[in-house]
Amino acid sequence: MIQLTINGQPQQFESPINLTQLVEHLALQGKRIAIERNGEIIARSQFAAQMLEHGDQLEIVVAVGGG
């Protein structure tokens, strides 16, 4: 089991997960998002390669349009 902190909230996952799977789990696929992992912005093209580890700190920002 791994524990992540996502936008300040602890969340636990039963098995290893990568960023693509996390985006799907959070129902954010298709949205304009930016993810910071432990202080480093991760390019969307790298989401599938980024396996998350116990204790990772993530900040996920969803872009909102409007005026």
PDB file of N, CA and C in Angstrom:
ATOM      1  N   MET A   1       0.853  -1.178   0.000  1.00  0.00           N
ATOM      2  CA  MET A   1       0.000   0.000   0.000  1.00  0.00           C
ATOM      3  C   MET A   1       0.898   1.239   0.000  1.00  0.00           C
ATOM      4  N   ILE A   2       0.522   2.223  -0.817  1.00  0.00           N
ATOM      5  CA  ILE A   2       1.280   3.475  -0.828  1.00  0.00           C
ATOM      6  C   ILE A   2       0.359   4.618  -0.419  1.00  0.00           C
ATOM      7  N   GLN A   3       0.953   5.584   0.256  1.00  0.00           N
ATOM      8  CA  GLN A   3       0.203   6.770   0.649  1.00  0.00           C
ATOM      9  C   GLN A   3       0.775   7.971  -0.094  1.00  0.00           C
ATOM     10  N   LEU A   4      -0.101   8.741  -0.690  1.00  0.00           N
ATOM     11  CA  LEU A   4       0.259   9.964  -1.394  1.00  0.00           C
ATOM     12  C   LEU A   4      -0.462  11.127  -0.730  1.00  0.00           C
ATOM     13  N   THR A   5       0.099  12.306  -0.875  1.00  0.00           N
ATOM     14  CA  THR A   5      -0.597  13.511  -0.454  1.00  0.00           C
ATOM     15  C   THR A   5      -0.934  14.268  -1.721  1.00  0.00           C
ATOM     16  N   ILE A   6      -2.237  14.438  -1.983  1.00  0.00           N
ATOM     17  CA  ILE A   6      -2.708  15.086  -3.205  1.00  0.00           C
ATOM     18  C   ILE A   6      -3.430  16.356  -2.808  1.00  0.00           C
ATOM     19  N   ASN A   7      -2.872  17.494  -3.219  1.00  0.00           N
ATOM     20  CA  ASN A   7      -3.421  18.808  -2.857  1.00  0.00           C
ATOM     21  C   ASN A   7      -3.674  18.903  -1.352  1.00  0.00           C
ATOM     22  N   GLY A   8      -2.701  18.406  -0.584  1.00  0.00           N
ATOM     23  CA  GLY A   8      -2.768  18.509   0.870  1.00  0.00           C
ATOM     24  C   GLY A   8      -3.579  17.436   1.568  1.00  0.00           C
ATOM     25  N   GLN A   9      -4.199  16.541   0.807  1.00  0.00           N
ATOM     26  CA  GLN A   9      -5.056  15.499   1.394  1.00  0.00           C
ATOM     27  C   GLN A   9      -4.399  14.126   1.230  1.00  0.00           C
ATOM     28  N   PRO A  10      -4.249  13.368   2.318  1.00  0.00           N
ATOM     29  CA  PRO A  10      -3.671  12.021   2.195  1.00  0.00           C
ATOM     30  C   PRO A  10      -4.633  11.068   1.485  1.00  0.00           C
ATOM     31  N   GLN A  11      -4.074  10.260   0.608  1.00  0.00           N
ATOM     32  CA  GLN A  11      -4.858   9.223  -0.074  1.00  0.00           C
ATOM     33  C   GLN A  11      -4.013   7.966  -0.135  1.00  0.00           C
ATOM     34  N   GLN A  12      -4.662   6.819   0.012  1.00  0.00           N
ATOM     35  CA  GLN A  12      -3.965   5.544  -0.031  1.00  0.00           C
ATOM     36  C   GLN A  12      -4.405   4.742  -1.244  1.00  0.00           C
ATOM     37  N   PHE A  13      -3.449   4.002  -1.787  1.00  0.00           N
ATOM     38  CA  PHE A  13      -3.701   3.138  -2.935  1.00  0.00           C
ATOM     39  C   PHE A  13      -3.163   1.752  -2.617  1.00  0.00           C
ATOM     40  N   GLU A  14      -3.899   0.734  -3.032  1.00  0.00           N
ATOM     41  CA  GLU A  14      -3.555  -0.656  -2.728  1.00  0.00           C
ATOM     42  C   GLU A  14      -2.299  -1.134  -3.450  1.00  0.00           C
ATOM     43  N   SER A  15      -2.077  -0.623  -4.664  1.00  0.00           N
ATOM     44  CA  SER A  15      -0.949  -1.096  -5.473  1.00  0.00           C
ATOM     45  C   SER A  15      -0.267   0.089  -6.134  1.00  0.00           C
ATOM     46  N   PRO A  16       0.931  -0.134  -6.679  1.00  0.00           N
ATOM     47  CA  PRO A  16       1.630   0.959  -7.367  1.00  0.00           C
ATOM     48  C   PRO A  16       0.757   1.557  -8.462  1.00  0.00           C
ATOM     49  N   ILE A  17       0.930   2.844  -8.677  1.00  0.00           N
ATOM     50  CA  ILE A  17       0.110   3.576  -9.637  1.00  0.00           C
ATOM     51  C   ILE A  17       0.989   4.615 -10.325  1.00  0.00           C
ATOM     52  N   ASN A  18       0.742   4.834 -11.617  1.00  0.00           N
ATOM     53  CA  ASN A  18       1.483   5.892 -12.305  1.00  0.00           C
ATOM     54  C   ASN A  18       0.571   7.112 -12.450  1.00  0.00           C
ATOM     55  N   LEU A  19       1.122   8.194 -12.978  1.00  0.00           N
ATOM     56  CA  LEU A  19       0.335   9.425 -13.070  1.00  0.00           C
ATOM     57  C   LEU A  19      -0.856   9.286 -14.012  1.00  0.00           C
ATOM     58  N   THR A  20      -0.712   8.547 -15.099  1.00  0.00           N
ATOM     59  CA  THR A  20      -1.846   8.343 -16.014  1.00  0.00           C
ATOM     60  C   THR A  20      -2.995   7.649 -15.281  1.00  0.00           C
ATOM     61  N   GLN A  21      -2.680   6.622 -14.506  1.00  0.00           N
ATOM     62  CA  GLN A  21      -3.708   5.903 -13.755  1.00  0.00           C
ATOM     63  C   GLN A  21      -4.324   6.799 -12.682  1.00  0.00           C
ATOM     64  N   LEU A  22      -3.514   7.643 -12.065  1.00  0.00           N
ATOM     65  CA  LEU A  22      -4.030   8.558 -11.057  1.00  0.00           C
ATOM     66  C   LEU A  22      -5.010   9.553 -11.677  1.00  0.00           C
ATOM     67  N   VAL A  23      -4.667  10.086 -12.843  1.00  0.00           N
ATOM     68  CA  VAL A  23      -5.558  11.021 -13.538  1.00  0.00           C
ATOM     69  C   VAL A  23      -6.892  10.343 -13.832  1.00  0.00           C
ATOM     70  N   GLU A  24      -6.850   9.084 -14.274  1.00  0.00           N
ATOM     71  CA  GLU A  24      -8.085   8.344 -14.538  1.00  0.00           C
ATOM     72  C   GLU A  24      -8.857   8.105 -13.243  1.00  0.00           C
ATOM     73  N   HIS A  25      -8.162   7.721 -12.185  1.00  0.00           N
ATOM     74  CA  HIS A  25      -8.797   7.475 -10.885  1.00  0.00           C
ATOM     75  C   HIS A  25      -9.526   8.722 -10.374  1.00  0.00           C
ATOM     76  N   LEU A  26      -8.933   9.890 -10.625  1.00  0.00           N
ATOM     77  CA  LEU A  26      -9.520  11.145 -10.161  1.00  0.00           C
ATOM     78  C   LEU A  26     -10.504  11.740 -11.171  1.00  0.00           C
ATOM     79  N   ALA A  27     -10.765  11.006 -12.265  1.00  0.00           N
ATOM     80  CA  ALA A  27     -11.691  11.438 -13.327  1.00  0.00           C
ATOM     81  C   ALA A  27     -11.293  12.789 -13.907  1.00  0.00           C
ATOM     82  N   LEU A  28      -9.994  12.953 -14.173  1.00  0.00           N
ATOM     83  CA  LEU A  28      -9.489  14.209 -14.738  1.00  0.00           C
ATOM     84  C   LEU A  28      -9.023  14.056 -16.187  1.00  0.00           C
ATOM     85  N   GLN A  29      -9.208  12.862 -16.778  1.00  0.00           N
ATOM     86  CA  GLN A  29      -8.767  12.682 -18.153  1.00  0.00           C
ATOM     87  C   GLN A  29      -9.543  13.624 -19.074  1.00  0.00           C
ATOM     88  N   GLY A  30      -8.847  14.174 -20.047  1.00  0.00           N
ATOM     89  CA  GLY A  30      -9.473  15.103 -20.986  1.00  0.00           C
ATOM     90  C   GLY A  30      -9.506  16.537 -20.499  1.00  0.00           C
ATOM     91  N   LYS A  31      -9.125  16.774 -19.246  1.00  0.00           N
ATOM     92  CA  LYS A  31      -9.110  18.134 -18.718  1.00  0.00           C
ATOM     93  C   LYS A  31      -7.704  18.711 -18.812  1.00  0.00           C
ATOM     94  N   ARG A  32      -7.644  20.017 -18.841  1.00  0.00           N
ATOM     95  CA  ARG A  32      -6.343  20.687 -18.880  1.00  0.00           C
ATOM     96  C   ARG A  32      -5.814  20.774 -17.448  1.00  0.00           C
ATOM     97  N   ILE A  33      -4.787  19.969 -17.177  1.00  0.00           N
ATOM     98  CA  ILE A  33      -4.251  19.918 -15.820  1.00  0.00           C
ATOM     99  C   ILE A  33      -2.734  20.064 -15.842  1.00  0.00           C
ATOM    100  N   ALA A  34      -2.199  20.449 -14.712  1.00  0.00           N
ATOM    101  CA  ALA A  34      -0.764  20.437 -14.473  1.00  0.00           C
ATOM    102  C   ALA A  34      -0.544  19.678 -13.175  1.00  0.00           C
ATOM    103  N   ILE A  35       0.503  18.847 -13.161  1.00  0.00           N
ATOM    104  CA  ILE A  35       0.813  18.075 -11.963  1.00  0.00           C
ATOM    105  C   ILE A  35       2.239  18.368 -11.533  1.00  0.00           C
ATOM    106  N   GLU A  36       2.363  18.685 -10.261  1.00  0.00           N
ATOM    107  CA  GLU A  36       3.667  18.882  -9.648  1.00  0.00           C
ATOM    108  C   GLU A  36       3.891  17.716  -8.691  1.00  0.00           C
ATOM    109  N   ARG A  37       5.023  17.055  -8.857  1.00  0.00           N
ATOM    110  CA  ARG A  37       5.372  15.916  -7.996  1.00  0.00           C
ATOM    111  C   ARG A  37       6.621  16.279  -7.201  1.00  0.00           C
ATOM    112  N   ASN A  38       6.475  16.358  -5.910  1.00  0.00           N
ATOM    113  CA  ASN A  38       7.599  16.681  -5.020  1.00  0.00           C
ATOM    114  C   ASN A  38       8.334  17.936  -5.484  1.00  0.00           C
ATOM    115  N   GLY A  39       7.563  18.951  -5.898  1.00  0.00           N
ATOM    116  CA  GLY A  39       8.136  20.233  -6.274  1.00  0.00           C
ATOM    117  C   GLY A  39       8.567  20.356  -7.717  1.00  0.00           C
ATOM    118  N   GLU A  40       8.358  19.328  -8.528  1.00  0.00           N
ATOM    119  CA  GLU A  40       8.780  19.350  -9.930  1.00  0.00           C
ATOM    120  C   GLU A  40       7.575  19.137 -10.842  1.00  0.00           C
ATOM    121  N   ILE A  41       7.400  20.051 -11.809  1.00  0.00           N
ATOM    122  CA  ILE A  41       6.314  19.916 -12.784  1.00  0.00           C
ATOM    123  C   ILE A  41       6.631  18.734 -13.698  1.00  0.00           C
ATOM    124  N   ILE A  42       5.645  17.874 -13.916  1.00  0.00           N
ATOM    125  CA  ILE A  42       5.807  16.707 -14.774  1.00  0.00           C
ATOM    126  C   ILE A  42       5.087  16.953 -16.097  1.00  0.00           C
ATOM    127  N   ALA A  43       5.806  16.769 -17.193  1.00  0.00           N
ATOM    128  CA  ALA A  43       5.216  16.925 -18.527  1.00  0.00           C
ATOM    129  C   ALA A  43       4.185  15.830 -18.754  1.00  0.00           C
ATOM    130  N   ARG A  44       3.078  16.184 -19.396  1.00  0.00           N
ATOM    131  CA  ARG A  44       2.012  15.205 -19.670  1.00  0.00           C
ATOM    132  C   ARG A  44       2.561  13.987 -20.413  1.00  0.00           C
ATOM    133  N   SER A  45       3.526  14.192 -21.289  1.00  0.00           N
ATOM    134  CA  SER A  45       4.100  13.082 -22.044  1.00  0.00           C
ATOM    135  C   SER A  45       4.832  12.087 -21.141  1.00  0.00           C
ATOM    136  N   GLN A  46       5.126  12.475 -19.911  1.00  0.00           N
ATOM    137  CA  GLN A  46       5.836  11.609 -18.965  1.00  0.00           C
ATOM    138  C   GLN A  46       4.922  10.946 -17.935  1.00  0.00           C
ATOM    139  N   PHE A  47       3.621  11.222 -17.983  1.00  0.00           N
ATOM    140  CA  PHE A  47       2.699  10.698 -16.977  1.00  0.00           C
ATOM    141  C   PHE A  47       2.776   9.172 -16.861  1.00  0.00           C
ATOM    142  N   ALA A  48       2.771   8.465 -17.984  1.00  0.00           N
ATOM    143  CA  ALA A  48       2.758   6.994 -17.944  1.00  0.00           C
ATOM    144  C   ALA A  48       4.052   6.441 -17.357  1.00  0.00           C
ATOM    145  N   ALA A  49       5.145   7.168 -17.503  1.00  0.00           N
ATOM    146  CA  ALA A  49       6.450   6.698 -17.021  1.00  0.00           C
ATOM    147  C   ALA A  49       6.698   7.040 -15.554  1.00  0.00           C
ATOM    148  N   GLN A  50       5.868   7.874 -14.972  1.00  0.00           N
ATOM    149  CA  GLN A  50       6.069   8.329 -13.594  1.00  0.00           C
ATOM    150  C   GLN A  50       5.321   7.431 -12.612  1.00  0.00           C
ATOM    151  N   MET A  51       6.016   6.427 -12.091  1.00  0.00           N
ATOM    152  CA  MET A  51       5.434   5.575 -11.061  1.00  0.00           C
ATOM    153  C   MET A  51       5.519   6.318  -9.734  1.00  0.00           C
ATOM    154  N   LEU A  52       4.395   6.417  -9.064  1.00  0.00           N
ATOM    155  CA  LEU A  52       4.350   7.146  -7.806  1.00  0.00           C
ATOM    156  C   LEU A  52       4.866   6.274  -6.673  1.00  0.00           C
ATOM    157  N   GLU A  53       5.488   6.916  -5.696  1.00  0.00           N
ATOM    158  CA  GLU A  53       6.100   6.201  -4.584  1.00  0.00           C
ATOM    159  C   GLU A  53       5.472   6.653  -3.273  1.00  0.00           C
ATOM    160  N   HIS A  54       5.526   5.778  -2.284  1.00  0.00           N
ATOM    161  CA  HIS A  54       4.995   6.084  -0.966  1.00  0.00           C
ATOM    162  C   HIS A  54       5.581   7.408  -0.478  1.00  0.00           C
ATOM    163  N   GLY A  55       4.705   8.300  -0.046  1.00  0.00           N
ATOM    164  CA  GLY A  55       5.147   9.582   0.498  1.00  0.00           C
ATOM    165  C   GLY A  55       5.216  10.718  -0.505  1.00  0.00           C
ATOM    166  N   ASP A  56       4.969  10.442  -1.795  1.00  0.00           N
ATOM    167  CA  ASP A  56       5.010  11.515  -2.793  1.00  0.00           C
ATOM    168  C   ASP A  56       4.001  12.601  -2.452  1.00  0.00           C
ATOM    169  N   GLN A  57       4.404  13.837  -2.711  1.00  0.00           N
ATOM    170  CA  GLN A  57       3.544  15.000  -2.524  1.00  0.00           C
ATOM    171  C   GLN A  57       3.156  15.503  -3.913  1.00  0.00           C
ATOM    172  N   LEU A  58       1.862  15.542  -4.194  1.00  0.00           N
ATOM    173  CA  LEU A  58       1.380  15.967  -5.503  1.00  0.00           C
ATOM    174  C   LEU A  58       0.479  17.188  -5.370  1.00  0.00           C
ATOM    175  N   GLU A  59       0.644  18.096  -6.300  1.00  0.00           N
ATOM    176  CA  GLU A  59      -0.275  19.221  -6.442  1.00  0.00           C
ATOM    177  C   GLU A  59      -0.847  19.126  -7.843  1.00  0.00           C
ATOM    178  N   ILE A  60      -2.152  19.085  -7.960  1.00  0.00           N
ATOM    179  CA  ILE A  60      -2.819  18.989  -9.251  1.00  0.00           C
ATOM    180  C   ILE A  60      -3.667  20.231  -9.430  1.00  0.00           C
ATOM    181  N   VAL A  61      -3.400  20.937 -10.527  1.00  0.00           N
ATOM    182  CA  VAL A  61      -4.129  22.161 -10.835  1.00  0.00           C
ATOM    183  C   VAL A  61      -4.920  21.935 -12.113  1.00  0.00           C
ATOM    184  N   VAL A  62      -6.212  22.242 -12.065  1.00  0.00           N
ATOM    185  CA  VAL A  62      -7.080  22.116 -13.233  1.00  0.00           C
ATOM    186  C   VAL A  62      -7.317  23.527 -13.773  1.00  0.00           C
ATOM    187  N   ALA A  63      -6.993  23.721 -15.058  1.00  0.00           N
ATOM    188  CA  ALA A  63      -7.198  25.025 -15.691  1.00  0.00           C
ATOM    189  C   ALA A  63      -8.693  25.249 -15.888  1.00  0.00           C
ATOM    190  N   VAL A  64      -9.150  26.446 -15.521  1.00  0.00           N
ATOM    191  CA  VAL A  64     -10.564  26.802 -15.654  1.00  0.00           C
ATOM    192  C   VAL A  64     -10.649  27.982 -16.602  1.00  0.00           C
ATOM    193  N   GLY A  65     -11.444  27.822 -17.651  1.00  0.00           N
ATOM    194  CA  GLY A  65     -11.643  28.917 -18.605  1.00  0.00           C
ATOM    195  C   GLY A  65     -12.866  29.746 -18.200  1.00  0.00           C
ATOM    196  N   GLY A  66     -12.971  30.860 -18.822  1.00  0.00           N
ATOM    197  CA  GLY A  66     -14.138  31.709 -18.529  1.00  0.00           C
ATOM    198  C   GLY A  66     -13.753  33.169 -18.610  1.00  0.00           C
ATOM    199  N   GLY A  67     -14.686  33.978 -18.239  1.00  0.00           N
ATOM    200  CA  GLY A  67     -14.367  35.385 -18.333  1.00  0.00           C
ATOM    201  C   GLY A  67     -15.211  36.226 -17.432  1.00  0.00           C
TER     202      GLY A  67
END
